[in-house]
Amino acid sequence: MENCIFCKILNKEIPSKFVYEDEHCFAINDINPKAKKHILVIPKKHIESLAQVEDMNLIKNLFEAIKNINKQENIKDFKTLINTGKNAGQEVMHLHIHILAD
């Protein structure tokens, strides 16, 4: 997607340090954290929101990544959050999952 910040980060047009990466997704620290640890897990394929997901394997892959990230970052207690749509608080129109931990 042309103006998507997450696509630009993935394409190295905007510098960012990946916390995690695999064939399906990547993860970065949120630039405006709402918790001590606030990581965004983002699919490499541009999908606007959870409402547009057709391949349920993508969801499985994202949650496997969350499990791997939590192990890597030694996170035991956490929340996950998916905002779907602007009225629900989705600021970037590219599916992403928040991991929030204190």
PDB file of N, CA and C in Angstrom:
ATOM      1  N   MET A   1       0.861  -1.179   0.000  1.00  0.00           N
ATOM      2  CA  MET A   1       0.000   0.000   0.000  1.00  0.00           C
ATOM      3  C   MET A   1       0.898   1.230   0.000  1.00  0.00           C
ATOM      4  N   GLU A   2       0.582   2.171  -0.821  1.00  0.00           N
ATOM      5  CA  GLU A   2       1.440   3.321  -1.101  1.00  0.00           C
ATOM      6  C   GLU A   2       1.755   4.204   0.110  1.00  0.00           C
ATOM      7  N   ASN A   3       0.770   4.580   0.898  1.00  0.00           N
ATOM      8  CA  ASN A   3       0.998   5.501   2.010  1.00  0.00           C
ATOM      9  C   ASN A   3       0.951   4.831   3.377  1.00  0.00           C
ATOM     10  N   CYS A   4       1.107   3.548   3.423  1.00  0.00           N
ATOM     11  CA  CYS A   4       1.024   2.807   4.682  1.00  0.00           C
ATOM     12  C   CYS A   4       2.379   2.843   5.392  1.00  0.00           C
ATOM     13  N   ILE A   5       2.390   3.368   6.604  1.00  0.00           N
ATOM     14  CA  ILE A   5       3.643   3.473   7.363  1.00  0.00           C
ATOM     15  C   ILE A   5       4.249   2.102   7.642  1.00  0.00           C
ATOM     16  N   PHE A   6       3.418   1.100   7.904  1.00  0.00           N
ATOM     17  CA  PHE A   6       3.959  -0.233   8.175  1.00  0.00           C
ATOM     18  C   PHE A   6       4.579  -0.844   6.924  1.00  0.00           C
ATOM     19  N   CYS A   7       3.969  -0.627   5.771  1.00  0.00           N
ATOM     20  CA  CYS A   7       4.552  -1.109   4.512  1.00  0.00           C
ATOM     21  C   CYS A   7       5.877  -0.396   4.233  1.00  0.00           C
ATOM     22  N   LYS A   8       5.924   0.896   4.536  1.00  0.00           N
ATOM     23  CA  LYS A   8       7.172   1.656   4.344  1.00  0.00           C
ATOM     24  C   LYS A   8       8.264   1.156   5.282  1.00  0.00           C
ATOM     25  N   ILE A   9       7.904   0.816   6.521  1.00  0.00           N
ATOM     26  CA  ILE A   9       8.886   0.261   7.457  1.00  0.00           C
ATOM     27  C   ILE A   9       9.380  -1.086   6.932  1.00  0.00           C
ATOM     28  N   LEU A  10       8.474  -1.944   6.486  1.00  0.00           N
ATOM     29  CA  LEU A  10       8.853  -3.252   5.955  1.00  0.00           C
ATOM     30  C   LEU A  10       9.775  -3.110   4.746  1.00  0.00           C
ATOM     31  N   ASN A  11       9.495  -2.125   3.885  1.00  0.00           N
ATOM     32  CA  ASN A  11      10.291  -1.918   2.670  1.00  0.00           C
ATOM     33  C   ASN A  11      11.542  -1.088   2.908  1.00  0.00           C
ATOM     34  N   LYS A  12      11.846  -0.806   4.187  1.00  0.00           N
ATOM     35  CA  LYS A  12      13.043  -0.059   4.587  1.00  0.00           C
ATOM     36  C   LYS A  12      13.049   1.386   4.106  1.00  0.00           C
ATOM     37  N   GLU A  13      11.864   1.921   3.778  1.00  0.00           N
ATOM     38  CA  GLU A  13      11.745   3.326   3.407  1.00  0.00           C
ATOM     39  C   GLU A  13      11.760   4.211   4.652  1.00  0.00           C
ATOM     40  N   ILE A  14      11.357   3.651   5.771  1.00  0.00           N
ATOM     41  CA  ILE A  14      11.403   4.317   7.071  1.00  0.00           C
ATOM     42  C   ILE A  14      12.225   3.410   7.982  1.00  0.00           C
ATOM     43  N   PRO A  15      13.308   3.949   8.552  1.00  0.00           N
ATOM     44  CA  PRO A  15      14.140   3.087   9.401  1.00  0.00           C
ATOM     45  C   PRO A  15      13.420   2.687  10.681  1.00  0.00           C
ATOM     46  N   SER A  16      13.603   1.444  11.059  1.00  0.00           N
ATOM     47  CA  SER A  16      13.018   0.921  12.283  1.00  0.00           C
ATOM     48  C   SER A  16      13.758  -0.348  12.662  1.00  0.00           C
ATOM     49  N   LYS A  17      13.881  -0.582  13.951  1.00  0.00           N
ATOM     50  CA  LYS A  17      14.522  -1.803  14.432  1.00  0.00           C
ATOM     51  C   LYS A  17      13.441  -2.842  14.685  1.00  0.00           C
ATOM     52  N   PHE A  18      13.563  -3.980  14.033  1.00  0.00           N
ATOM     53  CA  PHE A  18      12.611  -5.062  14.239  1.00  0.00           C
ATOM     54  C   PHE A  18      12.948  -5.782  15.538  1.00  0.00           C
ATOM     55  N   VAL A  19      11.933  -6.022  16.341  1.00  0.00           N
ATOM     56  CA  VAL A  19      12.058  -6.823  17.551  1.00  0.00           C
ATOM     57  C   VAL A  19      12.023  -8.299  17.162  1.00  0.00           C
ATOM     58  N   TYR A  20      11.310  -8.585  16.057  1.00  0.00           N
ATOM     59  CA  TYR A  20      11.095  -9.960  15.615  1.00  0.00           C
ATOM     60  C   TYR A  20      10.747  -9.918  14.135  1.00  0.00           C
ATOM     61  N   GLU A  21      11.127 -10.987  13.432  1.00  0.00           N
ATOM     62  CA  GLU A  21      10.721 -11.127  12.033  1.00  0.00           C
ATOM     63  C   GLU A  21      10.712 -12.599  11.672  1.00  0.00           C
ATOM     64  N   ASP A  22       9.708 -12.993  10.899  1.00  0.00           N
ATOM     65  CA  ASP A  22       9.673 -14.316  10.291  1.00  0.00           C
ATOM     66  C   ASP A  22       9.097 -14.151   8.894  1.00  0.00           C
ATOM     67  N   GLU A  23       8.775 -15.248   8.238  1.00  0.00           N
ATOM     68  CA  GLU A  23       8.300 -15.161   6.854  1.00  0.00           C
ATOM     69  C   GLU A  23       6.930 -14.504   6.715  1.00  0.00           C
ATOM     70  N   HIS A  24       6.149 -14.477   7.798  1.00  0.00           N
ATOM     71  CA  HIS A  24       4.783 -13.963   7.743  1.00  0.00           C
ATOM     72  C   HIS A  24       4.611 -12.556   8.304  1.00  0.00           C
ATOM     73  N   CYS A  25       5.456 -12.184   9.258  1.00  0.00           N
ATOM     74  CA  CYS A  25       5.232 -10.922   9.959  1.00  0.00           C
ATOM     75  C   CYS A  25       6.530 -10.346  10.509  1.00  0.00           C
ATOM     76  N   PHE A  26       6.412  -9.149  11.034  1.00  0.00           N
ATOM     77  CA  PHE A  26       7.517  -8.522  11.753  1.00  0.00           C
ATOM     78  C   PHE A  26       6.929  -7.806  12.955  1.00  0.00           C
ATOM     79  N   ALA A  27       7.788  -7.454  13.898  1.00  0.00           N
ATOM     80  CA  ALA A  27       7.327  -6.773  15.105  1.00  0.00           C
ATOM     81  C   ALA A  27       8.270  -5.628  15.431  1.00  0.00           C
ATOM     82  N   ILE A  28       7.671  -4.535  15.893  1.00  0.00           N
ATOM     83  CA  ILE A  28       8.430  -3.348  16.283  1.00  0.00           C
ATOM     84  C   ILE A  28       7.882  -2.832  17.609  1.00  0.00           C
ATOM     85  N   ASN A  29       8.691  -2.047  18.291  1.00  0.00           N
ATOM     86  CA  ASN A  29       8.204  -1.370  19.487  1.00  0.00           C
ATOM     87  C   ASN A  29       7.311  -0.215  19.051  1.00  0.00           C
ATOM     88  N   ASP A  30       6.215  -0.011  19.764  1.00  0.00           N
ATOM     89  CA  ASP A  30       5.308   1.108  19.477  1.00  0.00           C
ATOM     90  C   ASP A  30       6.017   2.416  19.818  1.00  0.00           C
ATOM     91  N   ILE A  31       5.903   3.426  18.944  1.00  0.00           N
ATOM     92  CA  ILE A  31       6.578   4.702  19.202  1.00  0.00           C
ATOM     93  C   ILE A  31       5.869   5.527  20.268  1.00  0.00           C
ATOM     94  N   ASN A  32       4.632   5.179  20.577  1.00  0.00           N
ATOM     95  CA  ASN A  32       3.873   5.822  21.654  1.00  0.00           C
ATOM     96  C   ASN A  32       3.369   4.742  22.613  1.00  0.00           C
ATOM     97  N   PRO A  33       4.282   4.146  23.391  1.00  0.00           N
ATOM     98  CA  PRO A  33       3.886   2.998  24.213  1.00  0.00           C
ATOM     99  C   PRO A  33       2.847   3.340  25.270  1.00  0.00           C
ATOM    100  N   LYS A  34       1.933   2.389  25.451  1.00  0.00           N
ATOM    101  CA  LYS A  34       0.880   2.499  26.464  1.00  0.00           C
ATOM    102  C   LYS A  34       1.164   1.579  27.648  1.00  0.00           C
ATOM    103  N   ALA A  35       2.322   0.919  27.632  1.00  0.00           N
ATOM    104  CA  ALA A  35       2.753   0.032  28.703  1.00  0.00           C
ATOM    105  C   ALA A  35       4.280  -0.013  28.669  1.00  0.00           C
ATOM    106  N   LYS A  36       4.871  -0.616  29.710  1.00  0.00           N
ATOM    107  CA  LYS A  36       6.332  -0.716  29.777  1.00  0.00           C
ATOM    108  C   LYS A  36       6.876  -1.379  28.507  1.00  0.00           C
ATOM    109  N   LYS A  37       6.233  -2.461  28.106  1.00  0.00           N
ATOM    110  CA  LYS A  37       6.534  -3.105  26.818  1.00  0.00           C
ATOM    111  C   LYS A  37       5.290  -2.984  25.968  1.00  0.00           C
ATOM    112  N   HIS A  38       5.461  -2.423  24.780  1.00  0.00           N
ATOM    113  CA  HIS A  38       4.337  -2.266  23.845  1.00  0.00           C
ATOM    114  C   HIS A  38       4.883  -2.575  22.452  1.00  0.00           C
ATOM    115  N   ILE A  39       4.587  -3.775  22.002  1.00  0.00           N
ATOM    116  CA  ILE A  39       5.117  -4.276  20.735  1.00  0.00           C
ATOM    117  C   ILE A  39       3.963  -4.453  19.752  1.00  0.00           C
ATOM    118  N   LEU A  40       4.211  -4.080  18.495  1.00  0.00           N
ATOM    119  CA  LEU A  40       3.230  -4.259  17.429  1.00  0.00           C
ATOM    120  C   LEU A  40       3.664  -5.427  16.555  1.00  0.00           C
ATOM    121  N   VAL A  41       2.763  -6.365  16.340  1.00  0.00           N
ATOM    122  CA  VAL A  41       3.005  -7.518  15.471  1.00  0.00           C
ATOM    123  C   VAL A  41       2.219  -7.266  14.189  1.00  0.00           C
ATOM    124  N   ILE A  42       2.944  -7.222  13.059  1.00  0.00           N
ATOM    125  CA  ILE A  42       2.379  -6.731  11.808  1.00  0.00           C
ATOM    126  C   ILE A  42       2.595  -7.751  10.689  1.00  0.00           C
ATOM    127  N   PRO A  43       1.528  -8.186  10.015  1.00  0.00           N
ATOM    128  CA  PRO A  43       1.728  -9.099   8.882  1.00  0.00           C
ATOM    129  C   PRO A  43       2.454  -8.385   7.740  1.00  0.00           C
ATOM    130  N   LYS A  44       3.278  -9.133   7.026  1.00  0.00           N
ATOM    131  CA  LYS A  44       4.004  -8.553   5.889  1.00  0.00           C
ATOM    132  C   LYS A  44       3.059  -8.243   4.732  1.00  0.00           C
ATOM    133  N   LYS A  45       2.013  -9.015   4.604  1.00  0.00           N
ATOM    134  CA  LYS A  45       1.012  -8.759   3.566  1.00  0.00           C
ATOM    135  C   LYS A  45       0.109  -7.633   4.055  1.00  0.00           C
ATOM    136  N   HIS A  46      -0.119  -6.638   3.210  1.00  0.00           N
ATOM    137  CA  HIS A  46      -0.985  -5.523   3.597  1.00  0.00           C
ATOM    138  C   HIS A  46      -2.446  -5.983   3.598  1.00  0.00           C
ATOM    139  N   ILE A  47      -3.001  -5.988   4.788  1.00  0.00           N
ATOM    140  CA  ILE A  47      -4.427  -6.264   4.990  1.00  0.00           C
ATOM    141  C   ILE A  47      -4.916  -5.131   5.868  1.00  0.00           C
ATOM    142  N   GLU A  48      -5.978  -4.460   5.459  1.00  0.00           N
ATOM    143  CA  GLU A  48      -6.414  -3.253   6.156  1.00  0.00           C
ATOM    144  C   GLU A  48      -6.760  -3.487   7.617  1.00  0.00           C
ATOM    145  N   SER A  49      -7.521  -4.523   7.909  1.00  0.00           N
ATOM    146  CA  SER A  49      -7.932  -4.766   9.295  1.00  0.00           C
ATOM    147  C   SER A  49      -8.338  -6.217   9.464  1.00  0.00           C
ATOM    148  N   LEU A  50      -8.654  -6.575  10.692  1.00  0.00           N
ATOM    149  CA  LEU A  50      -9.108  -7.932  10.986  1.00  0.00           C
ATOM    150  C   LEU A  50     -10.352  -8.291  10.173  1.00  0.00           C
ATOM    151  N   ALA A  51     -11.170  -7.303   9.876  1.00  0.00           N
ATOM    152  CA  ALA A  51     -12.400  -7.542   9.109  1.00  0.00           C
ATOM    153  C   ALA A  51     -12.115  -8.015   7.679  1.00  0.00           C
ATOM    154  N   GLN A  52     -10.928  -7.754   7.166  1.00  0.00           N
ATOM    155  CA  GLN A  52     -10.582  -8.153   5.801  1.00  0.00           C
ATOM    156  C   GLN A  52      -9.795  -9.460   5.722  1.00  0.00           C
ATOM    157  N   VAL A  53      -9.514 -10.081   6.849  1.00  0.00           N
ATOM    158  CA  VAL A  53      -8.749 -11.332   6.829  1.00  0.00           C
ATOM    159  C   VAL A  53      -9.603 -12.445   6.246  1.00  0.00           C
ATOM    160  N   GLU A  54      -9.062 -13.110   5.227  1.00  0.00           N
ATOM    161  CA  GLU A  54      -9.747 -14.254   4.621  1.00  0.00           C
ATOM    162  C   GLU A  54      -9.028 -15.559   4.929  1.00  0.00           C
ATOM    163  N   ASP A  55      -7.712 -15.501   5.076  1.00  0.00           N
ATOM    164  CA  ASP A  55      -6.904 -16.684   5.332  1.00  0.00           C
ATOM    165  C   ASP A  55      -6.662 -16.808   6.841  1.00  0.00           C
ATOM    166  N   MET A  56      -7.354 -17.724   7.485  1.00  0.00           N
ATOM    167  CA  MET A  56      -7.228 -17.891   8.931  1.00  0.00           C
ATOM    168  C   MET A  56      -5.856 -18.395   9.347  1.00  0.00           C
ATOM    169  N   ASN A  57      -5.090 -18.939   8.407  1.00  0.00           N
ATOM    170  CA  ASN A  57      -3.718 -19.326   8.724  1.00  0.00           C
ATOM    171  C   ASN A  57      -2.883 -18.106   9.095  1.00  0.00           C
ATOM    172  N   LEU A  58      -3.221 -16.948   8.543  1.00  0.00           N
ATOM    173  CA  LEU A  58      -2.519 -15.713   8.893  1.00  0.00           C
ATOM    174  C   LEU A  58      -2.672 -15.432  10.389  1.00  0.00           C
ATOM    175  N   ILE A  59      -3.876 -15.571  10.906  1.00  0.00           N
ATOM    176  CA  ILE A  59      -4.122 -15.335  12.328  1.00  0.00           C
ATOM    177  C   ILE A  59      -3.308 -16.328  13.162  1.00  0.00           C
ATOM    178  N   LYS A  60      -3.305 -17.579  12.749  1.00  0.00           N
ATOM    179  CA  LYS A  60      -2.502 -18.596  13.438  1.00  0.00           C
ATOM    180  C   LYS A  60      -1.035 -18.191  13.442  1.00  0.00           C
ATOM    181  N   ASN A  61      -0.521 -17.747  12.299  1.00  0.00           N
ATOM    182  CA  ASN A  61       0.878 -17.349  12.200  1.00  0.00           C
ATOM    183  C   ASN A  61       1.187 -16.148  13.092  1.00  0.00           C
ATOM    184  N   LEU A  62       0.273 -15.178  13.159  1.00  0.00           N
ATOM    185  CA  LEU A  62       0.486 -14.005  14.004  1.00  0.00           C
ATOM    186  C   LEU A  62       0.529 -14.399  15.481  1.00  0.00           C
ATOM    187  N   PHE A  63      -0.352 -15.305  15.890  1.00  0.00           N
ATOM    188  CA  PHE A  63      -0.358 -15.714  17.296  1.00  0.00           C
ATOM    189  C   PHE A  63       0.830 -16.615  17.633  1.00  0.00           C
ATOM    190  N   GLU A  64       1.326 -17.367  16.670  1.00  0.00           N
ATOM    191  CA  GLU A  64       2.575 -18.111  16.890  1.00  0.00           C
ATOM    192  C   GLU A  64       3.726 -17.126  17.069  1.00  0.00           C
ATOM    193  N   ALA A  65       3.724 -16.045  16.283  1.00  0.00           N
ATOM    194  CA  ALA A  65       4.753 -15.012  16.426  1.00  0.00           C
ATOM    195  C   ALA A  65       4.671 -14.362  17.805  1.00  0.00           C
ATOM    196  N   ILE A  66       3.459 -14.084  18.276  1.00  0.00           N
ATOM    197  CA  ILE A  66       3.286 -13.499  19.610  1.00  0.00           C
ATOM    198  C   ILE A  66       3.896 -14.418  20.664  1.00  0.00           C
ATOM    199  N   LYS A  67       3.642 -15.700  20.545  1.00  0.00           N
ATOM    200  CA  LYS A  67       4.217 -16.671  21.482  1.00  0.00           C
ATOM    201  C   LYS A  67       5.749 -16.601  21.444  1.00  0.00           C
ATOM    202  N   ASN A  68       6.326 -16.547  20.244  1.00  0.00           N
ATOM    203  CA  ASN A  68       7.780 -16.481  20.089  1.00  0.00           C
ATOM    204  C   ASN A  68       8.345 -15.169  20.633  1.00  0.00           C
ATOM    205  N   ILE A  69       7.664 -14.075  20.372  1.00  0.00           N
ATOM    206  CA  ILE A  69       8.112 -12.765  20.858  1.00  0.00           C
ATOM    207  C   ILE A  69       8.091 -12.736  22.379  1.00  0.00           C
ATOM    208  N   ASN A  70       7.014 -13.225  22.973  1.00  0.00           N
ATOM    209  CA  ASN A  70       6.902 -13.228  24.433  1.00  0.00           C
ATOM    210  C   ASN A  70       8.008 -14.066  25.066  1.00  0.00           C
ATOM    211  N   LYS A  71       8.338 -15.182  24.449  1.00  0.00           N
ATOM    212  CA  LYS A  71       9.438 -16.005  24.955  1.00  0.00           C
ATOM    213  C   LYS A  71      10.761 -15.251  24.817  1.00  0.00           C
ATOM    214  N   GLN A  72      10.986 -14.670  23.655  1.00  0.00           N
ATOM    215  CA  GLN A  72      12.219 -13.923  23.379  1.00  0.00           C
ATOM    216  C   GLN A  72      12.391 -12.738  24.327  1.00  0.00           C
ATOM    217  N   GLU A  73      11.299 -12.042  24.610  1.00  0.00           N
ATOM    218  CA  GLU A  73      11.332 -10.833  25.437  1.00  0.00           C
ATOM    219  C   GLU A  73      11.077 -11.131  26.921  1.00  0.00           C
ATOM    220  N   ASN A  74      10.942 -12.418  27.266  1.00  0.00           N
ATOM    221  CA  ASN A  74      10.674 -12.845  28.640  1.00  0.00           C
ATOM    222  C   ASN A  74       9.404 -12.198  29.207  1.00  0.00           C
ATOM    223  N   ILE A  75       8.371 -12.145  28.372  1.00  0.00           N
ATOM    224  CA  ILE A  75       7.070 -11.607  28.781  1.00  0.00           C
ATOM    225  C   ILE A  75       6.187 -12.770  29.193  1.00  0.00           C
ATOM    226  N   LYS A  76       5.706 -12.720  30.432  1.00  0.00           N
ATOM    227  CA  LYS A  76       4.858 -13.803  30.933  1.00  0.00           C
ATOM    228  C   LYS A  76       3.388 -13.386  31.024  1.00  0.00           C
ATOM    229  N   ASP A  77       3.137 -12.184  31.502  1.00  0.00           N
ATOM    230  CA  ASP A  77       1.774 -11.669  31.631  1.00  0.00           C
ATOM    231  C   ASP A  77       1.610 -10.516  30.655  1.00  0.00           C
ATOM    232  N   PHE A  78       0.569 -10.584  29.837  1.00  0.00           N
ATOM    233  CA  PHE A  78       0.417  -9.581  28.781  1.00  0.00           C
ATOM    234  C   PHE A  78      -1.030  -9.498  28.322  1.00  0.00           C
ATOM    235  N   LYS A  79      -1.308  -8.424  27.614  1.00  0.00           N
ATOM    236  CA  LYS A  79      -2.594  -8.259  26.926  1.00  0.00           C
ATOM    237  C   LYS A  79      -2.305  -8.203  25.441  1.00  0.00           C
ATOM    238  N   THR A  80      -3.258  -8.672  24.643  1.00  0.00           N
ATOM    239  CA  THR A  80      -3.201  -8.437  23.208  1.00  0.00           C
ATOM    240  C   THR A  80      -4.412  -7.598  22.843  1.00  0.00           C
ATOM    241  N   LEU A  81      -4.235  -6.773  21.842  1.00  0.00           N
ATOM    242  CA  LEU A  81      -5.307  -5.880  21.417  1.00  0.00           C
ATOM    243  C   LEU A  81      -5.275  -5.746  19.907  1.00  0.00           C
ATOM    244  N   ILE A  82      -6.448  -5.871  19.287  1.00  0.00           N
ATOM    245  CA  ILE A  82      -6.592  -5.625  17.851  1.00  0.00           C
ATOM    246  C   ILE A  82      -7.722  -4.612  17.689  1.00  0.00           C
ATOM    247  N   ASN A  83      -7.390  -3.412  17.271  1.00  0.00           N
ATOM    248  CA  ASN A  83      -8.409  -2.419  16.949  1.00  0.00           C
ATOM    249  C   ASN A  83      -8.817  -2.644  15.496  1.00  0.00           C
ATOM    250  N   THR A  84     -10.101  -2.628  15.235  1.00  0.00           N
ATOM    251  CA  THR A  84     -10.593  -2.889  13.884  1.00  0.00           C
ATOM    252  C   THR A  84     -11.491  -1.740  13.449  1.00  0.00           C
ATOM    253  N   GLY A  85     -10.947  -0.877  12.601  1.00  0.00           N
ATOM    254  CA  GLY A  85     -11.680   0.278  12.099  1.00  0.00           C
ATOM    255  C   GLY A  85     -11.351   1.554  12.867  1.00  0.00           C
ATOM    256  N   LYS A  86     -11.473   2.667  12.172  1.00  0.00           N
ATOM    257  CA  LYS A  86     -11.142   3.966  12.770  1.00  0.00           C
ATOM    258  C   LYS A  86     -11.981   4.278  13.994  1.00  0.00           C
ATOM    259  N   ASN A  87     -13.250   3.946  13.979  1.00  0.00           N
ATOM    260  CA  ASN A  87     -14.116   4.229  15.126  1.00  0.00           C
ATOM    261  C   ASN A  87     -13.773   3.366  16.328  1.00  0.00           C
ATOM    262  N   ALA A  88     -13.018   2.311  16.117  1.00  0.00           N
ATOM    263  CA  ALA A  88     -12.596   1.434  17.213  1.00  0.00           C
ATOM    264  C   ALA A  88     -11.172   1.751  17.666  1.00  0.00           C
ATOM    265  N   GLY A  89     -10.585   2.812  17.114  1.00  0.00           N
ATOM    266  CA  GLY A  89      -9.257   3.228  17.544  1.00  0.00           C
ATOM    267  C   GLY A  89      -8.113   2.787  16.659  1.00  0.00           C
ATOM    268  N   GLN A  90      -8.402   2.173  15.514  1.00  0.00           N
ATOM    269  CA  GLN A  90      -7.323   1.763  14.619  1.00  0.00           C
ATOM    270  C   GLN A  90      -6.756   3.002  13.933  1.00  0.00           C
ATOM    271  N   GLU A  91      -5.497   3.324  14.230  1.00  0.00           N
ATOM    272  CA  GLU A  91      -4.869   4.526  13.679  1.00  0.00           C
ATOM    273  C   GLU A  91      -4.159   4.266  12.362  1.00  0.00           C
ATOM    274  N   VAL A  92      -3.567   3.086  12.211  1.00  0.00           N
ATOM    275  CA  VAL A  92      -2.896   2.710  10.967  1.00  0.00           C
ATOM    276  C   VAL A  92      -3.741   1.630  10.316  1.00  0.00           C
ATOM    277  N   MET A  93      -4.157   1.873   9.085  1.00  0.00           N
ATOM    278  CA  MET A  93      -5.048   0.946   8.397  1.00  0.00           C
ATOM    279  C   MET A  93      -4.256  -0.189   7.735  1.00  0.00           C
ATOM    280  N   HIS A  94      -3.573  -0.932   8.593  1.00  0.00           N
ATOM    281  CA  HIS A  94      -2.845  -2.150   8.238  1.00  0.00           C
ATOM    282  C   HIS A  94      -2.961  -3.007   9.492  1.00  0.00           C
ATOM    283  N   LEU A  95      -3.533  -4.175   9.356  1.00  0.00           N
ATOM    284  CA  LEU A  95      -3.743  -5.064  10.493  1.00  0.00           C
ATOM    285  C   LEU A  95      -2.495  -5.140  11.360  1.00  0.00           C
ATOM    286  N   HIS A  96      -2.655  -5.023  12.654  1.00  0.00           N
ATOM    287  CA  HIS A  96      -1.567  -5.225  13.599  1.00  0.00           C
ATOM    288  C   HIS A  96      -2.132  -5.598  14.962  1.00  0.00           C
ATOM    289  N   ILE A  97      -1.342  -6.320  15.710  1.00  0.00           N
ATOM    290  CA  ILE A  97      -1.733  -6.764  17.046  1.00  0.00           C
ATOM    291  C   ILE A  97      -0.789  -6.117  18.055  1.00  0.00           C
ATOM    292  N   HIS A  98      -1.364  -5.512  19.062  1.00  0.00           N
ATOM    293  CA  HIS A  98      -0.591  -4.906  20.143  1.00  0.00           C
ATOM    294  C   HIS A  98      -0.315  -5.973  21.209  1.00  0.00           C
ATOM    295  N   ILE A  99       0.928  -6.034  21.671  1.00  0.00           N
ATOM    296  CA  ILE A  99       1.277  -6.796  22.867  1.00  0.00           C
ATOM    297  C   ILE A  99       1.616  -5.757  23.925  1.00  0.00           C
ATOM    298  N   LEU A 100       0.891  -5.791  25.037  1.00  0.00           N
ATOM    299  CA  LEU A 100       1.106  -4.822  26.121  1.00  0.00           C
ATOM    300  C   LEU A 100       1.465  -5.575  27.393  1.00  0.00           C
ATOM    301  N   ALA A 101       2.593  -5.181  28.002  1.00  0.00           N
ATOM    302  CA  ALA A 101       3.031  -5.845  29.229  1.00  0.00           C
ATOM    303  C   ALA A 101       3.751  -4.851  30.136  1.00  0.00           C
ATOM    304  N   ASP A 102       3.565  -5.008  31.429  1.00  0.00           N
ATOM    305  CA  ASP A 102       4.257  -4.159  32.423  1.00  0.00           C
ATOM    306  C   ASP A 102       5.386  -4.916  33.086  1.00  0.00           C
TER     307      ASP A 102
END
